[in-house]
Amino acid sequence: MRGSRRAETVGGPAEWEVMKRPQPRTFPVTVSHLPLVRCEICGQTIAHRQGKAGEVLTEHYSRSHPEVLRTETADG
């Protein structure tokens, strides 16, 4: 048998199998109680922690709509 070892016991030879490591368990996480904001340009809904809507929207705009941020800072 592949991956096994023989060991001598009082009653005779015994088969030993090498134990495999258990796979780490992952559990699905559902986020259901975070406040939401919506992007005015693409309409994407974005979840944020309480009081962090501005940071989350700025990050979204910098990744998805960088041209809007450049235009507003150049005009202002």
Protein backbone atom coordinates (compact mmCIF):
# COMPACT_ATOMS: atom_id res chain seq x y z
CA MET A 1 0.00 0.00 0.00
CA ARG A 2 1.46 3.36 -1.00
CA GLY A 3 2.19 5.78 1.83
CA SER A 4 1.97 3.11 4.52
CA ARG A 5 4.53 1.70 6.90
CA ARG A 6 4.90 -1.74 8.45
CA ALA A 7 5.34 -2.07 12.18
CA GLU A 8 5.90 -5.21 14.17
CA THR A 9 3.44 -5.82 16.97
CA VAL A 10 3.04 -8.67 19.46
CA GLY A 11 0.37 -10.28 17.26
CA GLY A 12 2.39 -9.88 14.05
CA PRO A 13 2.88 -7.20 11.38
CA ALA A 14 0.45 -4.27 11.32
CA GLU A 15 -0.34 -1.70 8.61
CA TRP A 16 0.09 1.94 9.51
CA GLU A 17 -1.07 4.73 7.25
CA VAL A 18 0.50 8.14 7.27
CA MET A 19 -2.07 10.66 8.46
CA LYS A 20 -2.83 13.56 6.18
CA ARG A 21 -3.08 17.09 7.47
CA PRO A 22 -6.68 18.25 7.80
CA GLN A 23 -7.71 20.97 5.39
CA PRO A 24 -8.37 24.33 7.04
CA ARG A 25 -12.06 25.00 7.31
CA THR A 26 -13.46 28.13 5.77
CA PHE A 27 -16.92 29.39 6.52
CA PRO A 28 -18.91 31.76 4.33
CA VAL A 29 -19.40 35.18 5.86
CA THR A 30 -22.47 37.23 5.10
CA VAL A 31 -22.31 40.97 5.71
CA SER A 32 -25.81 42.22 6.22
CA HIS A 33 -25.65 45.18 8.58
CA LEU A 34 -23.29 47.66 6.94
CA PRO A 35 -24.61 50.97 5.60
CA LEU A 36 -24.59 51.38 1.82
CA VAL A 37 -23.82 54.25 -0.54
CA ARG A 38 -24.33 54.34 -4.28
CA CYS A 39 -21.89 55.72 -6.85
CA GLU A 40 -23.56 58.56 -8.75
CA ILE A 41 -21.68 57.71 -11.96
CA CYS A 42 -21.95 53.93 -12.35
CA GLY A 43 -24.67 53.18 -9.79
CA GLN A 44 -22.59 50.56 -7.98
CA THR A 45 -23.64 49.94 -4.39
CA ILE A 46 -20.74 50.10 -1.93
CA ALA A 47 -20.82 48.95 1.70
CA HIS A 48 -18.90 50.95 4.29
CA ARG A 49 -18.31 51.08 8.01
CA GLN A 50 -20.19 53.71 9.99
CA GLY A 51 -18.65 57.13 9.34
CA LYS A 52 -16.37 55.91 6.51
CA ALA A 53 -18.60 56.60 3.47
CA GLY A 54 -16.36 59.39 2.19
CA GLU A 55 -13.22 57.26 2.33
CA VAL A 56 -14.90 54.33 0.59
CA LEU A 57 -16.37 56.53 -2.16
CA THR A 58 -13.05 58.31 -2.72
CA GLU A 59 -11.31 54.95 -3.08
CA HIS A 60 -14.00 53.76 -5.52
CA TYR A 61 -13.74 56.95 -7.61
CA SER A 62 -9.94 56.77 -7.70
CA ARG A 63 -10.07 53.17 -8.98
CA SER A 64 -13.13 53.26 -11.23
CA HIS A 65 -13.47 56.91 -12.28
CA PRO A 66 -10.06 58.65 -11.94
CA GLU A 67 -10.92 61.14 -14.69
CA VAL A 68 -13.66 62.64 -12.51
CA LEU A 69 -11.27 63.29 -9.63
CA ARG A 70 -8.72 64.93 -11.94
CA THR A 71 -11.39 67.19 -13.47
CA GLU A 72 -12.80 68.34 -10.12
CA THR A 73 -9.40 69.13 -8.61
CA ALA A 74 -8.31 71.05 -11.73
CA ASP A 75 -11.49 73.18 -11.73
CA GLY A 76 -11.50 73.87 -7.98
